[in-house]
C-alpha atoms as a PDB file:
ATOM      1  CA  MET A   1      14.689-164.802  33.502  1.00  0.00           C
ATOM      2  CA  SER A   2      12.912-167.968  32.234  1.00  0.00           C
ATOM      3  CA  ASP A   3       9.665-166.845  34.007  1.00  0.00           C
ATOM      4  CA  THR A   4       9.842-163.529  32.177  1.00  0.00           C
ATOM      5  CA  ASN A   5      10.364-165.232  28.794  1.00  0.00           C
ATOM      6  CA  ASP A   6       7.431-167.581  29.465  1.00  0.00           C
ATOM      7  CA  LEU A   7       5.305-164.686  30.537  1.00  0.00           C
ATOM      8  CA  THR A   8       6.013-162.478  27.524  1.00  0.00           C
ATOM      9  CA  ARG A   9       5.389-165.487  25.270  1.00  0.00           C
ATOM     10  CA  ASN A  10       2.027-166.056  27.045  1.00  0.00           C
ATOM     11  CA  LEU A  11       1.203-162.368  26.669  1.00  0.00           C
ATOM     12  CA  ASP A  12       1.934-162.531  22.943  1.00  0.00           C
ATOM     13  CA  GLN A  13      -0.172-165.705  22.567  1.00  0.00           C
ATOM     14  CA  LEU A  14      -3.103-164.048  24.338  1.00  0.00           C
ATOM     15  CA  LEU A  15      -2.833-160.956  22.154  1.00  0.00           C
ATOM     16  CA  ASN A  16      -2.774-163.133  19.030  1.00  0.00           C
ATOM     17  CA  LEU A  17      -5.847-164.951  20.262  1.00  0.00           C
ATOM     18  CA  LEU A  18      -7.643-161.673  20.860  1.00  0.00           C
ATOM     19  CA  ASP A  19      -6.654-160.263  17.478  1.00  0.00           C
ATOM     20  CA  ALA A  20      -8.049-163.247  15.510  1.00  0.00           C
ATOM     21  CA  PRO A  21     -11.826-162.610  15.898  1.00  0.00           C
ATOM     22  CA  ALA A  22     -11.628-159.045  14.616  1.00  0.00           C
ATOM     23  CA  SER A  23     -10.478-160.318  11.211  1.00  0.00           C
ATOM     24  CA  GLN A  24     -13.203-163.007  11.071  1.00  0.00           C
ATOM     25  CA  ALA A  25     -16.318-160.788  11.310  1.00  0.00           C
ATOM     26  CA  PRO A  26     -19.203-162.186   9.211  1.00  0.00           C
ATOM     27  CA  ALA A  27     -20.255-160.380   6.057  1.00  0.00           C
ATOM     28  CA  PRO A  28     -23.787-158.876   5.985  1.00  0.00           C
ATOM     29  CA  ALA A  29     -26.451-160.892   4.070  1.00  0.00           C
ATOM     30  CA  ALA A  30     -27.419-159.577   0.635  1.00  0.00           C
ATOM     31  CA  GLY A  31     -30.558-159.704  -1.471  1.00  0.00           C
ATOM     32  CA  VAL A  32     -33.174-159.734   1.341  1.00  0.00           C
ATOM     33  CA  THR A  33     -35.976-157.202   0.939  1.00  0.00           C
ATOM     34  CA  GLY A  34     -39.263-156.249   2.484  1.00  0.00           C
ATOM     35  CA  ASP A  35     -38.867-155.881   6.280  1.00  0.00           C
ATOM     36  CA  ALA A  36     -36.974-153.996   8.983  1.00  0.00           C
ATOM     37  CA  ILE A  37     -34.061-156.463   8.798  1.00  0.00           C
ATOM     38  CA  ALA A  38     -33.835-155.916   5.022  1.00  0.00           C
ATOM     39  CA  ALA A  39     -33.883-152.147   5.535  1.00  0.00           C
ATOM     40  CA  GLU A  40     -31.059-152.423   8.014  1.00  0.00           C
ATOM     41  CA  LEU A  41     -29.080-154.714   5.702  1.00  0.00           C
ATOM     42  CA  ALA A  42     -29.577-152.279   2.842  1.00  0.00           C
ATOM     43  CA  ARG A  43     -27.879-149.491   4.737  1.00  0.00           C
ATOM     44  CA  PRO A  44     -24.093-148.954   4.329  1.00  0.00           C
ATOM     45  CA  ALA A  45     -22.037-151.305   6.444  1.00  0.00           C
ATOM     46  CA  ARG A  46     -21.140-150.062   9.869  1.00  0.00           C
ATOM     47  CA  ALA A  47     -17.542-149.547  10.656  1.00  0.00           C
ATOM     48  CA  THR A  48     -15.953-150.005  14.053  1.00  0.00           C
ATOM     49  CA  ALA A  49     -12.639-148.842  15.289  1.00  0.00           C
ATOM     50  CA  VAL A  50     -11.213-152.258  16.109  1.00  0.00           C
ATOM     51  CA  ARG A  51      -7.620-151.945  17.123  1.00  0.00           C
ATOM     52  CA  SER A  52      -5.152-154.515  18.293  1.00  0.00           C
ATOM     53  CA  LEU A  53      -4.332-154.485  21.959  1.00  0.00           C
ATOM     54  CA  ARG A  54      -0.724-155.146  20.987  1.00  0.00           C
ATOM     55  CA  GLU A  55      -0.043-151.450  20.436  1.00  0.00           C
ATOM     56  CA  ALA A  56      -2.097-150.197  23.370  1.00  0.00           C
ATOM     57  CA  PRO A  57      -0.123-148.084  25.848  1.00  0.00           C
ATOM     58  CA  GLU A  58      -1.431-150.215  28.716  1.00  0.00           C
ATOM     59  CA  ILE A  59      -0.006-153.404  27.195  1.00  0.00           C
ATOM     60  CA  GLU A  60       3.322-151.691  26.558  1.00  0.00           C
ATOM     61  CA  ALA A  61       3.401-150.444  30.191  1.00  0.00           C
ATOM     62  CA  PHE A  62       2.513-153.927  31.438  1.00  0.00           C
ATOM     63  CA  ARG A  63       5.304-155.512  29.354  1.00  0.00           C
ATOM     64  CA  ARG A  64       7.840-152.883  30.497  1.00  0.00           C
ATOM     65  CA  GLU A  65       6.898-153.275  34.228  1.00  0.00           C
ATOM     66  CA  LEU A  66       7.091-156.995  33.827  1.00  0.00           C
ATOM     67  CA  VAL A  67      10.540-156.928  32.295  1.00  0.00           C
ATOM     68  CA  ASP A  68      11.695-154.463  34.942  1.00  0.00           C
ATOM     69  CA  GLY A  69      10.554-156.855  37.656  1.00  0.00           C
ATOM     70  CA  LEU A  70       7.804-154.644  39.043  1.00  0.00           C
ATOM     71  CA  ILE A  71       5.260-157.398  38.479  1.00  0.00           C
ATOM     72  CA  ARG A  72       5.736-160.961  39.792  1.00  0.00           C
ATOM     73  CA  ALA A  73       6.345-163.129  36.760  1.00  0.00           C
ATOM     74  CA  ASP A  74       4.728-166.295  38.188  1.00  0.00           C
ATOM     75  CA  THR A  75       1.522-164.469  39.181  1.00  0.00           C
ATOM     76  CA  ALA A  76       1.216-162.662  35.865  1.00  0.00           C
ATOM     77  CA  ASN A  77       1.953-165.875  33.985  1.00  0.00           C
ATOM     78  CA  ARG A  78      -0.884-167.684  35.758  1.00  0.00           C
ATOM     79  CA  LEU A  79      -3.268-164.794  35.074  1.00  0.00           C
ATOM     80  CA  LEU A  80      -2.411-164.655  31.363  1.00  0.00           C
ATOM     81  CA  LYS A  81      -2.950-168.392  31.031  1.00  0.00           C
ATOM     82  CA  LEU A  82      -6.317-168.147  32.773  1.00  0.00           C
ATOM     83  CA  ILE A  83      -7.430-165.253  30.537  1.00  0.00           C
ATOM     84  CA  GLY A  84      -6.307-167.205  27.485  1.00  0.00           C
ATOM     85  CA  GLU A  85      -8.351-170.243  28.550  1.00  0.00           C
ATOM     86  CA  VAL A  86     -11.465-168.089  29.135  1.00  0.00           C
ATOM     87  CA  VAL A  87     -11.101-166.265  25.807  1.00  0.00           C
ATOM     88  CA  THR A  88     -10.601-169.568  23.973  1.00  0.00           C
ATOM     89  CA  ARG A  89     -13.779-171.031  25.501  1.00  0.00           C
ATOM     90  CA  VAL A  90     -15.814-167.900  24.673  1.00  0.00           C
ATOM     91  CA  ILE A  91     -14.598-167.801  21.049  1.00  0.00           C
ATOM     92  CA  ARG A  92     -15.389-171.454  20.347  1.00  0.00           C
END
């Protein structure tokens, strides 16, 4: 049971790590005129449909299968830690 608790904690930490960059997107520059970049910046801001993975059906299915013992906890735990390390290095 401890492996499952560690694993779900690692899954939550990874999802928190992935959620952080979406809220830290840079604001577009203002006041620049005269070229193609200025024209692009003058347009209305683009919107993206950034959604948290936390509510994704795939994550819920993964969590459910993990808790039900259909996925080996030690293997999944190592994978989540590896993904967390990679994402941390890419973000920095």
